[in-house]
């Protein structure tokens, strides 16, 4: 999984093993909640 920096309102996420595949676009607040839940 990798994210694309430089988007102030959202976090684009894609599968690093399939870089030409679909991109999931998540709000910053949802991304923050997701990463906090992983810790």
Foldseek 3Di string as FASTA:
>chain_A
DDWDPDDVFWIWDDDPVCVVDDIDIGGPVVVVVVVVVVD
